[in-house]
Amino acid sequence: MSKSGQTAKNSRFTKHDLRIELLGTSFSIAAEENPVYLESILNNYRLALESTQNSTGLRDPLKIAILTGFLLCDEIQRIFNREVADQEAEAREAEHIARNLISRIDEVVSSQS
């Protein structure tokens, strides 16, 4: 393996520290992810926390964090359900197209017999 390939492979496993300061709590985590990505996720969570706090009026940090986590799980489930429904619709469409093609092939074969 080339030196640059080895460096790229090793950089994937480099741990990066992320300082989290939310809801009056501060701590650091180390993760094997791109620091820009980690900051993006943290910022998205921060926005979700603010949205939950603003829409509910809650002030208890634990309740805000729990409700935000619940709402984010709900959002993930809805996205998953939409993707499954889209895949099922695509499968039905593919089946419909395949049946039409088979029917046309059968017609051509029958007319040549």
Protein backbone atom coordinates (compact mmCIF):
# COMPACT_ATOMS: atom_id res chain seq x y z
CA MET A 1 0.00 0.00 0.00
CA SER A 2 1.29 3.44 -0.83
CA LYS A 3 2.25 5.83 1.92
CA SER A 4 -0.60 8.18 0.96
CA GLY A 5 -3.05 5.26 1.00
CA GLN A 6 -1.83 4.26 4.45
CA THR A 7 -2.16 7.85 5.66
CA ALA A 8 -5.72 8.05 4.33
CA LYS A 9 -6.57 4.76 6.02
CA ASN A 10 -5.07 5.87 9.35
CA SER A 11 -6.76 9.28 9.22
CA ARG A 12 -10.11 7.54 9.11
CA PHE A 13 -9.43 6.11 12.54
CA THR A 14 -8.04 9.29 14.08
CA LYS A 15 -10.07 10.36 17.08
CA HIS A 16 -11.23 13.94 17.20
CA ASP A 17 -12.38 15.72 20.33
CA LEU A 18 -15.68 17.55 20.36
CA ARG A 19 -16.61 19.92 23.15
CA ILE A 20 -20.33 19.76 23.89
CA GLU A 21 -21.90 22.61 25.81
CA LEU A 22 -25.67 22.24 25.94
CA LEU A 23 -28.41 22.85 28.47
CA GLY A 24 -25.97 23.97 31.13
CA THR A 25 -23.78 20.88 30.81
CA SER A 26 -20.29 20.68 29.35
CA PHE A 27 -18.17 17.70 28.42
CA SER A 28 -15.93 16.41 25.65
CA ILE A 29 -16.20 13.31 23.54
CA ALA A 30 -13.72 11.64 21.20
CA ALA A 31 -15.03 10.22 17.94
CA GLU A 32 -13.59 8.77 14.76
CA GLU A 33 -15.43 11.24 12.55
CA ASN A 34 -14.57 14.33 10.61
CA PRO A 35 -14.57 17.33 13.00
CA VAL A 36 -16.66 19.38 10.55
CA TYR A 37 -19.26 16.60 10.49
CA LEU A 38 -19.27 16.40 14.29
CA GLU A 39 -19.77 20.17 14.58
CA SER A 40 -22.60 19.96 12.05
CA ILE A 41 -24.37 17.24 14.06
CA LEU A 42 -23.88 19.21 17.26
CA ASN A 43 -25.29 22.34 15.64
CA ASN A 44 -28.31 20.41 14.34
CA TYR A 45 -28.96 19.03 17.82
CA ARG A 46 -28.55 22.50 19.31
CA LEU A 47 -31.18 23.81 16.88
CA ALA A 48 -33.49 20.90 17.73
CA LEU A 49 -33.11 21.64 21.45
CA GLU A 50 -33.91 25.31 20.89
CA SER A 51 -36.94 24.40 18.78
CA THR A 52 -38.23 22.04 21.47
CA GLN A 53 -37.66 24.62 24.18
CA ASN A 54 -39.36 27.38 22.18
CA SER A 55 -42.35 25.29 21.14
CA THR A 56 -43.01 23.74 24.57
CA GLY A 57 -41.85 26.42 26.96
CA LEU A 58 -40.00 23.77 28.97
CA ARG A 59 -37.07 24.98 31.06
CA ASP A 60 -35.94 21.71 32.65
CA PRO A 61 -32.81 20.62 30.72
CA LEU A 62 -33.46 16.90 31.23
CA LYS A 63 -37.04 17.15 29.97
CA ILE A 64 -35.91 19.23 26.98
CA ALA A 65 -33.20 16.70 26.10
CA ILE A 66 -35.55 13.72 26.47
CA LEU A 67 -38.35 15.31 24.46
CA THR A 68 -35.91 16.44 21.75
CA GLY A 69 -34.50 12.92 21.50
CA PHE A 70 -38.03 11.54 21.25
CA LEU A 71 -38.95 14.04 18.52
CA LEU A 72 -35.77 13.27 16.57
CA CYS A 73 -36.53 9.53 16.77
CA ASP A 74 -40.03 10.29 15.48
CA GLU A 75 -38.52 12.20 12.56
CA ILE A 76 -36.14 9.34 11.77
CA GLN A 77 -39.02 6.84 11.86
CA ARG A 78 -41.15 9.00 9.54
CA ILE A 79 -38.25 9.28 7.06
CA PHE A 80 -37.72 5.52 7.23
CA ASN A 81 -41.44 4.87 6.69
CA ARG A 82 -41.47 7.21 3.67
CA GLU A 83 -38.44 5.44 2.19
CA VAL A 84 -40.05 2.03 2.69
CA ALA A 85 -43.29 3.28 1.10
CA ASP A 86 -41.32 4.76 -1.83
CA GLN A 87 -39.44 1.48 -2.31
CA GLU A 88 -42.70 -0.48 -2.23
CA ALA A 89 -44.24 1.87 -4.79
CA GLU A 90 -41.17 1.49 -7.03
CA ALA A 91 -41.38 -2.30 -6.70
CA ARG A 92 -45.08 -2.25 -7.67
CA GLU A 93 -44.29 -0.03 -10.66
CA ALA A 94 -41.43 -2.33 -11.73
CA GLU A 95 -43.73 -5.33 -11.42
CA HIS A 96 -46.39 -3.56 -13.50
CA ILE A 97 -43.83 -2.72 -16.22
CA ALA A 98 -42.48 -6.28 -16.19
CA ARG A 99 -45.98 -7.75 -16.52
CA ASN A 100 -46.73 -5.44 -19.44
CA LEU A 101 -43.48 -6.42 -21.16
CA ILE A 102 -44.20 -10.12 -20.63
CA SER A 103 -47.70 -9.64 -22.02
CA ARG A 104 -46.33 -7.88 -25.11
CA ILE A 105 -43.71 -10.59 -25.61
CA ASP A 106 -46.43 -13.24 -25.29
CA GLU A 107 -48.53 -11.40 -27.92
CA VAL A 108 -45.59 -11.23 -30.35
CA VAL A 109 -44.70 -14.88 -29.83
CA SER A 110 -48.35 -15.95 -30.22
CA SER A 111 -48.78 -13.94 -33.42
CA GLN A 112 -45.70 -15.58 -34.95
CA SER A 113 -46.92 -19.11 -34.21
